[in-house]
Amino acid sequence: MQINSQTRLDRYIFEAVTKAGTLLNDRRALFSLIGSASAKIESSSGRIASIKNDLATVVELLKAWARGEYREVPWSTLLLGTGAVIYFVNPFDAIPDILPAAGLLDDASVIGFVLAAAKNDIVKFRNHKTDAAHPDTTD
């Protein structure tokens, strides 16, 4: 029996989001995932240029949440973001990353879905980072 690519992708995404719930309750494992994702973002930067900044923002959001520095994020966004990062880090997802060009295409699709689903929360986090970097000193 052959599994079509959409069913395979759905299965990998479901597994990643399921694992995300566990990781969000294990800070050590979450920080390990964040480290792996950061390293892969840097080593793959040329091949993931279209999603690099957005993916880095998701990773930064997760790091800030895990450190307790930013908590204004819904659990659903944490699950989706962590699931997307798990999917990105896994080299043997629906389309293995060792395949030139196509290997990261599915990763970009998953990241794009998460960004669309959590757009408002990601914008709020970016605004929070900007505000923290440039505090209002007019008082």
Protein backbone atom coordinates (compact mmCIF):
# COMPACT_ATOMS: atom_id res chain seq x y z
CA MET A 1 0.00 0.00 0.00
CA GLN A 2 1.45 3.36 -1.05
CA ILE A 3 0.89 6.45 1.06
CA ASN A 4 0.38 9.57 -1.03
CA SER A 5 2.58 12.57 -0.24
CA GLN A 6 -0.24 14.67 1.31
CA THR A 7 -1.13 11.88 3.74
CA ARG A 8 2.56 11.46 4.61
CA LEU A 9 2.93 15.21 5.17
CA ASP A 10 -0.19 15.26 7.37
CA ARG A 11 1.20 12.37 9.43
CA TYR A 12 4.57 14.08 9.95
CA ILE A 13 2.90 17.36 10.93
CA PHE A 14 0.58 15.56 13.37
CA GLU A 15 3.55 13.75 14.94
CA ALA A 16 5.52 17.01 15.24
CA VAL A 17 2.65 18.86 16.93
CA THR A 18 2.05 15.92 19.26
CA LYS A 19 5.73 15.91 20.24
CA ALA A 20 5.56 19.70 20.66
CA GLY A 21 3.15 19.35 23.58
CA THR A 22 5.67 17.16 25.38
CA LEU A 23 8.63 19.44 24.62
CA LEU A 24 6.84 22.53 25.88
CA ASN A 25 6.69 20.86 29.30
CA ASP A 26 10.41 19.95 29.28
CA ARG A 27 12.58 23.08 29.24
CA ARG A 28 15.82 21.16 28.72
CA ALA A 29 14.44 19.37 25.67
CA LEU A 30 12.93 22.63 24.36
CA PHE A 31 16.27 24.44 24.65
CA SER A 32 17.95 21.52 22.88
CA LEU A 33 15.44 21.84 20.03
CA ILE A 34 16.01 25.61 19.90
CA GLY A 35 19.77 25.04 19.66
CA SER A 36 19.36 22.48 16.89
CA ALA A 37 17.02 24.77 14.96
CA SER A 38 19.37 27.76 15.31
CA ALA A 39 22.29 25.70 14.02
CA LYS A 40 20.28 24.39 11.07
CA ILE A 41 19.02 27.88 10.21
CA GLU A 42 22.61 29.12 10.04
CA SER A 43 23.93 26.14 8.07
CA SER A 44 21.00 26.18 5.62
CA SER A 45 20.63 29.94 5.26
CA GLY A 46 21.15 30.07 1.50
CA ARG A 47 18.64 27.30 0.87
CA ILE A 48 15.96 28.71 3.19
CA ALA A 49 16.34 32.42 2.44
CA SER A 50 12.60 32.90 1.91
CA ILE A 51 11.71 31.68 5.40
CA LYS A 52 14.91 32.33 7.36
CA ASN A 53 13.79 35.51 9.15
CA ASP A 54 10.33 34.18 9.95
CA LEU A 55 11.67 30.87 11.21
CA ALA A 56 14.27 32.69 13.31
CA THR A 57 11.45 34.77 14.82
CA VAL A 58 9.51 31.63 15.75
CA VAL A 59 12.65 30.18 17.37
CA GLU A 60 13.25 33.47 19.26
CA LEU A 61 9.62 33.48 20.44
CA LEU A 62 10.00 29.94 21.79
CA LYS A 63 13.27 30.85 23.50
CA ALA A 64 11.76 33.96 25.10
CA TRP A 65 8.75 31.94 26.28
CA ALA A 66 10.95 29.17 27.72
CA ARG A 67 13.03 31.75 29.61
CA GLY A 68 9.90 33.40 30.99
CA GLU A 69 10.72 36.66 29.20
CA TYR A 70 7.61 36.65 27.00
CA ARG A 71 4.42 34.93 28.04
CA GLU A 72 1.80 36.75 25.95
CA VAL A 73 1.44 33.88 23.50
CA PRO A 74 -1.44 31.40 23.29
CA TRP A 75 -0.78 27.71 23.84
CA SER A 76 -2.00 26.97 20.30
CA THR A 77 0.70 29.23 18.85
CA LEU A 78 3.34 27.56 21.03
CA LEU A 79 2.20 24.14 19.82
CA LEU A 80 2.19 25.15 16.16
CA GLY A 81 5.51 26.96 16.41
CA THR A 82 7.22 24.14 18.27
CA GLY A 83 5.73 21.58 15.89
CA ALA A 84 7.03 23.54 12.90
CA VAL A 85 10.50 23.77 14.42
CA ILE A 86 10.49 20.02 15.14
CA TYR A 87 9.46 19.40 11.54
CA PHE A 88 12.21 21.74 10.28
CA VAL A 89 14.92 20.09 12.39
CA ASN A 90 13.93 16.54 11.37
CA PRO A 91 15.96 15.70 8.24
CA PHE A 92 13.74 12.71 7.43
CA ASP A 93 10.34 14.37 7.27
CA ALA A 94 7.84 13.97 4.42
CA ILE A 95 10.46 15.05 1.87
CA PRO A 96 13.96 14.26 3.20
CA ASP A 97 16.22 17.31 3.42
CA ILE A 98 19.01 15.46 1.61
CA LEU A 99 17.10 15.87 -1.66
CA PRO A 100 18.38 19.01 -3.39
CA ALA A 101 15.86 21.87 -3.54
CA ALA A 102 12.78 19.79 -2.76
CA GLY A 103 14.06 18.69 0.66
CA LEU A 104 13.40 22.02 2.31
CA LEU A 105 10.33 22.88 0.23
CA ASP A 106 8.00 20.99 2.56
CA ASP A 107 9.67 22.66 5.55
CA ALA A 108 8.96 26.07 4.00
CA SER A 109 5.32 25.06 3.45
CA VAL A 110 4.89 24.00 7.08
CA ILE A 111 6.59 27.19 8.34
CA GLY A 112 4.38 29.24 6.00
CA PHE A 113 1.25 27.58 7.38
CA VAL A 114 2.30 28.29 10.96
CA LEU A 115 3.13 31.90 10.14
CA ALA A 116 -0.27 32.39 8.55
CA ALA A 117 -2.08 30.69 11.45
CA ALA A 118 -0.19 32.62 14.13
CA LYS A 119 0.40 35.88 12.26
CA ASN A 120 -1.05 38.17 14.94
CA ASP A 121 0.93 36.50 17.73
CA ILE A 122 4.16 36.70 15.73
CA VAL A 123 3.57 40.38 14.94
CA LYS A 124 2.92 41.05 18.65
CA PHE A 125 6.18 39.30 19.53
CA ARG A 126 8.12 41.29 16.92
CA ASN A 127 6.62 44.50 18.31
CA HIS A 128 7.57 43.39 21.83
CA LYS A 129 11.18 42.82 20.69
CA THR A 130 11.27 46.25 19.01
CA ASP A 131 9.83 47.94 22.09
CA ALA A 132 12.32 46.16 24.36
CA ALA A 133 15.23 47.20 22.14
CA HIS A 134 14.05 50.84 22.01
CA PRO A 135 12.38 51.68 25.33
CA ASP A 136 10.38 54.89 25.50
CA THR A 137 12.56 57.42 27.34
CA THR A 138 10.20 60.41 27.06
CA ASP A 139 9.13 60.18 30.71
